[in-house]
Amino acid sequence: MKYQDEEAVISISDGVLLEGSLKTNKMKLVQAWIEIHKDELFANWELAINGETIFKIDPLK
């Protein structure tokens, strides 16, 4: 994910930061968003690894 000048790789399954960096407050928002959209994220992951088109997931509001 990219946010302004920061870039991070975050695990879908547990929200752990795998690579890069995010400010703590932004990381908490991303982790909440992952929890809300976990099923959609895993579905998109399966589509992506099979070379199929992924679908849009609503951002945090």
PDB file of N, CA and C in Angstrom:
ATOM      1  N   MET A   1       0.828  -1.160   0.000  1.00  0.00           N
ATOM      2  CA  MET A   1       0.000   0.000   0.000  1.00  0.00           C
ATOM      3  C   MET A   1       0.878   1.230   0.000  1.00  0.00           C
ATOM      4  N   LYS A   2       0.360   2.290  -0.569  1.00  0.00           N
ATOM      5  CA  LYS A   2       1.077   3.563  -0.578  1.00  0.00           C
ATOM      6  C   LYS A   2       0.206   4.607   0.110  1.00  0.00           C
ATOM      7  N   TYR A   3       0.848   5.438   0.906  1.00  0.00           N
ATOM      8  CA  TYR A   3       0.175   6.560   1.546  1.00  0.00           C
ATOM      9  C   TYR A   3       1.145   7.728   1.561  1.00  0.00           C
ATOM     10  N   GLN A   4       0.825   8.771   0.809  1.00  0.00           N
ATOM     11  CA  GLN A   4       1.700   9.924   0.644  1.00  0.00           C
ATOM     12  C   GLN A   4       3.099   9.461   0.262  1.00  0.00           C
ATOM     13  N   ASP A   5       4.107   9.696   1.100  1.00  0.00           N
ATOM     14  CA  ASP A   5       5.468   9.297   0.745  1.00  0.00           C
ATOM     15  C   ASP A   5       5.893   7.990   1.399  1.00  0.00           C
ATOM     16  N   GLU A   6       4.958   7.283   2.022  1.00  0.00           N
ATOM     17  CA  GLU A   6       5.267   6.016   2.680  1.00  0.00           C
ATOM     18  C   GLU A   6       4.727   4.861   1.852  1.00  0.00           C
ATOM     19  N   GLU A   7       5.399   3.730   1.946  1.00  0.00           N
ATOM     20  CA  GLU A   7       4.981   2.541   1.228  1.00  0.00           C
ATOM     21  C   GLU A   7       5.194   1.344   2.149  1.00  0.00           C
ATOM     22  N   ALA A   8       4.220   0.425   2.161  1.00  0.00           N
ATOM     23  CA  ALA A   8       4.312  -0.716   3.063  1.00  0.00           C
ATOM     24  C   ALA A   8       3.666  -1.945   2.436  1.00  0.00           C
ATOM     25  N   VAL A   9       4.147  -3.111   2.865  1.00  0.00           N
ATOM     26  CA  VAL A   9       3.547  -4.390   2.527  1.00  0.00           C
ATOM     27  C   VAL A   9       3.005  -4.945   3.841  1.00  0.00           C
ATOM     28  N   ILE A  10       1.702  -5.266   3.843  1.00  0.00           N
ATOM     29  CA  ILE A  10       1.046  -5.681   5.080  1.00  0.00           C
ATOM     30  C   ILE A  10       0.332  -7.003   4.841  1.00  0.00           C
ATOM     31  N   SER A  11       0.461  -7.923   5.773  1.00  0.00           N
ATOM     32  CA  SER A  11      -0.167  -9.235   5.685  1.00  0.00           C
ATOM     33  C   SER A  11      -1.688  -9.108   5.788  1.00  0.00           C
ATOM     34  N   ILE A  12      -2.406  -9.758   4.875  1.00  0.00           N
ATOM     35  CA  ILE A  12      -3.869  -9.746   4.924  1.00  0.00           C
ATOM     36  C   ILE A  12      -4.358 -10.541   6.126  1.00  0.00           C
ATOM     37  N   SER A  13      -3.732 -11.667   6.399  1.00  0.00           N
ATOM     38  CA  SER A  13      -4.245 -12.562   7.438  1.00  0.00           C
ATOM     39  C   SER A  13      -4.187 -11.989   8.851  1.00  0.00           C
ATOM     40  N   ASP A  14      -3.139 -11.199   9.155  1.00  0.00           N
ATOM     41  CA  ASP A  14      -3.031 -10.705  10.530  1.00  0.00           C
ATOM     42  C   ASP A  14      -2.670  -9.220  10.651  1.00  0.00           C
ATOM     43  N   GLY A  15      -2.563  -8.514   9.531  1.00  0.00           N
ATOM     44  CA  GLY A  15      -2.300  -7.077   9.573  1.00  0.00           C
ATOM     45  C   GLY A  15      -0.898  -6.696   9.993  1.00  0.00           C
ATOM     46  N   VAL A  16       0.033  -7.639   9.940  1.00  0.00           N
ATOM     47  CA  VAL A  16       1.415  -7.376  10.347  1.00  0.00           C
ATOM     48  C   VAL A  16       2.169  -6.691   9.212  1.00  0.00           C
ATOM     49  N   LEU A  17       2.961  -5.707   9.565  1.00  0.00           N
ATOM     50  CA  LEU A  17       3.822  -5.005   8.613  1.00  0.00           C
ATOM     51  C   LEU A  17       4.953  -5.942   8.191  1.00  0.00           C
ATOM     52  N   LEU A  18       5.015  -6.244   6.898  1.00  0.00           N
ATOM     53  CA  LEU A  18       6.034  -7.157   6.384  1.00  0.00           C
ATOM     54  C   LEU A  18       7.239  -6.417   5.820  1.00  0.00           C
ATOM     55  N   GLU A  19       6.989  -5.228   5.264  1.00  0.00           N
ATOM     56  CA  GLU A  19       8.062  -4.476   4.627  1.00  0.00           C
ATOM     57  C   GLU A  19       7.653  -3.009   4.550  1.00  0.00           C
ATOM     58  N   GLY A  20       8.619  -2.114   4.610  1.00  0.00           N
ATOM     59  CA  GLY A  20       8.346  -0.687   4.508  1.00  0.00           C
ATOM     60  C   GLY A  20       7.990  -0.075   5.854  1.00  0.00           C
ATOM     61  N   SER A  21       7.266   1.057   5.791  1.00  0.00           N
ATOM     62  CA  SER A  21       6.896   1.732   7.030  1.00  0.00           C
ATOM     63  C   SER A  21       5.641   2.567   6.836  1.00  0.00           C
ATOM     64  N   LEU A  22       4.917   2.735   7.923  1.00  0.00           N
ATOM     65  CA  LEU A  22       3.745   3.612   8.000  1.00  0.00           C
ATOM     66  C   LEU A  22       3.730   4.219   9.386  1.00  0.00           C
ATOM     67  N   LYS A  23       3.254   5.439   9.487  1.00  0.00           N
ATOM     68  CA  LYS A  23       3.089   6.051  10.798  1.00  0.00           C
ATOM     69  C   LYS A  23       2.092   5.221  11.596  1.00  0.00           C
ATOM     70  N   THR A  24       2.273   5.177  12.910  1.00  0.00           N
ATOM     71  CA  THR A  24       1.462   4.338  13.774  1.00  0.00           C
ATOM     72  C   THR A  24      -0.035   4.586  13.597  1.00  0.00           C
ATOM     73  N   ASN A  25      -0.453   5.848  13.543  1.00  0.00           N
ATOM     74  CA  ASN A  25      -1.881   6.124  13.410  1.00  0.00           C
ATOM     75  C   ASN A  25      -2.431   5.634  12.076  1.00  0.00           C
ATOM     76  N   LYS A  26      -1.655   5.723  11.006  1.00  0.00           N
ATOM     77  CA  LYS A  26      -2.081   5.236   9.693  1.00  0.00           C
ATOM     78  C   LYS A  26      -2.100   3.712   9.679  1.00  0.00           C
ATOM     79  N   MET A  27      -1.139   3.093  10.336  1.00  0.00           N
ATOM     80  CA  MET A  27      -1.090   1.636  10.402  1.00  0.00           C
ATOM     81  C   MET A  27      -2.337   1.096  11.086  1.00  0.00           C
ATOM     82  N   LYS A  28      -2.775   1.735  12.146  1.00  0.00           N
ATOM     83  CA  LYS A  28      -3.983   1.290  12.856  1.00  0.00           C
ATOM     84  C   LYS A  28      -5.216   1.402  11.965  1.00  0.00           C
ATOM     85  N   LEU A  29      -5.284   2.453  11.158  1.00  0.00           N
ATOM     86  CA  LEU A  29      -6.403   2.605  10.224  1.00  0.00           C
ATOM     87  C   LEU A  29      -6.373   1.497   9.170  1.00  0.00           C
ATOM     88  N   VAL A  30      -5.199   1.209   8.651  1.00  0.00           N
ATOM     89  CA  VAL A  30      -5.068   0.160   7.646  1.00  0.00           C
ATOM     90  C   VAL A  30      -5.442  -1.197   8.247  1.00  0.00           C
ATOM     91  N   GLN A  31      -4.998  -1.466   9.458  1.00  0.00           N
ATOM     92  CA  GLN A  31      -5.326  -2.731  10.107  1.00  0.00           C
ATOM     93  C   GLN A  31      -6.835  -2.866  10.314  1.00  0.00           C
ATOM     94  N   ALA A  32      -7.508  -1.781  10.674  1.00  0.00           N
ATOM     95  CA  ALA A  32      -8.965  -1.808  10.829  1.00  0.00           C
ATOM     96  C   ALA A  32      -9.626  -2.068   9.482  1.00  0.00           C
ATOM     97  N   TRP A  33      -9.131  -1.418   8.429  1.00  0.00           N
ATOM     98  CA  TRP A  33      -9.677  -1.602   7.087  1.00  0.00           C
ATOM     99  C   TRP A  33      -9.490  -3.050   6.625  1.00  0.00           C
ATOM    100  N   ILE A  34      -8.323  -3.622   6.896  1.00  0.00           N
ATOM    101  CA  ILE A  34      -8.063  -5.017   6.543  1.00  0.00           C
ATOM    102  C   ILE A  34      -9.064  -5.929   7.246  1.00  0.00           C
ATOM    103  N   GLU A  35      -9.296  -5.698   8.513  1.00  0.00           N
ATOM    104  CA  GLU A  35     -10.232  -6.536   9.274  1.00  0.00           C
ATOM    105  C   GLU A  35     -11.638  -6.464   8.681  1.00  0.00           C
ATOM    106  N   ILE A  36     -12.060  -5.277   8.311  1.00  0.00           N
ATOM    107  CA  ILE A  36     -13.401  -5.078   7.737  1.00  0.00           C
ATOM    108  C   ILE A  36     -13.522  -5.764   6.376  1.00  0.00           C
ATOM    109  N   HIS A  37     -12.453  -5.735   5.586  1.00  0.00           N
ATOM    110  CA  HIS A  37     -12.499  -6.207   4.196  1.00  0.00           C
ATOM    111  C   HIS A  37     -11.687  -7.478   3.955  1.00  0.00           C
ATOM    112  N   LYS A  38     -11.422  -8.224   5.005  1.00  0.00           N
ATOM    113  CA  LYS A  38     -10.544  -9.396   4.886  1.00  0.00           C
ATOM    114  C   LYS A  38     -11.020 -10.382   3.817  1.00  0.00           C
ATOM    115  N   ASP A  39     -12.312 -10.703   3.793  1.00  0.00           N
ATOM    116  CA  ASP A  39     -12.822 -11.657   2.803  1.00  0.00           C
ATOM    117  C   ASP A  39     -12.628 -11.144   1.381  1.00  0.00           C
ATOM    118  N   GLU A  40     -12.899  -9.859   1.180  1.00  0.00           N
ATOM    119  CA  GLU A  40     -12.722  -9.257  -0.142  1.00  0.00           C
ATOM    120  C   GLU A  40     -11.249  -9.245  -0.548  1.00  0.00           C
ATOM    121  N   LEU A  41     -10.365  -8.968   0.399  1.00  0.00           N
ATOM    122  CA  LEU A  41      -8.933  -8.939   0.113  1.00  0.00           C
ATOM    123  C   LEU A  41      -8.426 -10.320  -0.285  1.00  0.00           C
ATOM    124  N   PHE A  42      -8.860 -11.355   0.434  1.00  0.00           N
ATOM    125  CA  PHE A  42      -8.449 -12.704   0.077  1.00  0.00           C
ATOM    126  C   PHE A  42      -9.012 -13.113  -1.283  1.00  0.00           C
ATOM    127  N   ALA A  43     -10.246 -12.724  -1.579  1.00  0.00           N
ATOM    128  CA  ALA A  43     -10.835 -13.019  -2.883  1.00  0.00           C
ATOM    129  C   ALA A  43     -10.034 -12.331  -3.989  1.00  0.00           C
ATOM    130  N   ASN A  44      -9.667 -11.068  -3.771  1.00  0.00           N
ATOM    131  CA  ASN A  44      -8.853 -10.346  -4.756  1.00  0.00           C
ATOM    132  C   ASN A  44      -7.481 -10.992  -4.914  1.00  0.00           C
ATOM    133  N   TRP A  45      -6.907 -11.457  -3.833  1.00  0.00           N
ATOM    134  CA  TRP A  45      -5.605 -12.108  -3.894  1.00  0.00           C
ATOM    135  C   TRP A  45      -5.683 -13.343  -4.793  1.00  0.00           C
ATOM    136  N   GLU A  46      -6.724 -14.151  -4.607  1.00  0.00           N
ATOM    137  CA  GLU A  46      -6.901 -15.345  -5.436  1.00  0.00           C
ATOM    138  C   GLU A  46      -7.063 -14.969  -6.909  1.00  0.00           C
ATOM    139  N   LEU A  47      -7.846 -13.937  -7.176  1.00  0.00           N
ATOM    140  CA  LEU A  47      -8.015 -13.474  -8.553  1.00  0.00           C
ATOM    141  C   LEU A  47      -6.671 -13.041  -9.138  1.00  0.00           C
ATOM    142  N   ALA A  48      -5.915 -12.267  -8.363  1.00  0.00           N
ATOM    143  CA  ALA A  48      -4.638 -11.722  -8.840  1.00  0.00           C
ATOM    144  C   ALA A  48      -3.634 -12.831  -9.158  1.00  0.00           C
ATOM    145  N   ILE A  49      -3.526 -13.809  -8.278  1.00  0.00           N
ATOM    146  CA  ILE A  49      -2.532 -14.864  -8.532  1.00  0.00           C
ATOM    147  C   ILE A  49      -2.940 -15.767  -9.692  1.00  0.00           C
ATOM    148  N   ASN A  50      -4.229 -15.732 -10.053  1.00  0.00           N
ATOM    149  CA  ASN A  50      -4.706 -16.492 -11.205  1.00  0.00           C
ATOM    150  C   ASN A  50      -4.761 -15.642 -12.477  1.00  0.00           C
ATOM    151  N   GLY A  51      -4.218 -14.424 -12.395  1.00  0.00           N
ATOM    152  CA  GLY A  51      -4.156 -13.559 -13.562  1.00  0.00           C
ATOM    153  C   GLY A  51      -5.493 -12.951 -13.964  1.00  0.00           C
ATOM    154  N   GLU A  52      -6.445 -12.960 -13.043  1.00  0.00           N
ATOM    155  CA  GLU A  52      -7.764 -12.403 -13.328  1.00  0.00           C
ATOM    156  C   GLU A  52      -7.865 -10.970 -12.815  1.00  0.00           C
ATOM    157  N   THR A  53      -8.875 -10.264 -13.280  1.00  0.00           N
ATOM    158  CA  THR A  53      -9.090  -8.885 -12.870  1.00  0.00           C
ATOM    159  C   THR A  53      -9.646  -8.827 -11.449  1.00  0.00           C
ATOM    160  N   ILE A  54      -9.024  -7.986 -10.626  1.00  0.00           N
ATOM    161  CA  ILE A  54      -9.516  -7.822  -9.252  1.00  0.00           C
ATOM    162  C   ILE A  54     -10.633  -6.786  -9.236  1.00  0.00           C
ATOM    163  N   PHE A  55     -11.405  -6.778  -8.147  1.00  0.00           N
ATOM    164  CA  PHE A  55     -12.483  -5.813  -8.011  1.00  0.00           C
ATOM    165  C   PHE A  55     -12.115  -4.743  -7.005  1.00  0.00           C
ATOM    166  N   LYS A  56     -12.763  -3.596  -7.119  1.00  0.00           N
ATOM    167  CA  LYS A  56     -12.491  -2.447  -6.251  1.00  0.00           C
ATOM    168  C   LYS A  56     -13.049  -2.711  -4.847  1.00  0.00           C
ATOM    169  N   ILE A  57     -12.285  -2.324  -3.859  1.00  0.00           N
ATOM    170  CA  ILE A  57     -12.713  -2.419  -2.457  1.00  0.00           C
ATOM    171  C   ILE A  57     -12.829  -1.011  -1.920  1.00  0.00           C
ATOM    172  N   ASP A  58     -13.937  -0.714  -1.266  1.00  0.00           N
ATOM    173  CA  ASP A  58     -14.166   0.633  -0.736  1.00  0.00           C
ATOM    174  C   ASP A  58     -13.062   1.038   0.244  1.00  0.00           C
ATOM    175  N   PRO A  59     -12.620   2.296   0.156  1.00  0.00           N
ATOM    176  CA  PRO A  59     -11.628   2.802   1.094  1.00  0.00           C
ATOM    177  C   PRO A  59     -12.262   3.101   2.453  1.00  0.00           C
ATOM    178  N   LEU A  60     -11.430   3.381   3.437  1.00  0.00           N
ATOM    179  CA  LEU A  60     -11.938   3.845   4.736  1.00  0.00           C
ATOM    180  C   LEU A  60     -12.596   5.197   4.543  1.00  0.00           C
ATOM    181  N   LYS A  61     -13.678   5.415   5.229  1.00  0.00           N
ATOM    182  CA  LYS A  61     -14.378   6.689   5.115  1.00  0.00           C
ATOM    183  C   LYS A  61     -14.449   7.368   6.455  1.00  0.00           C
TER     184      LYS A  61
END
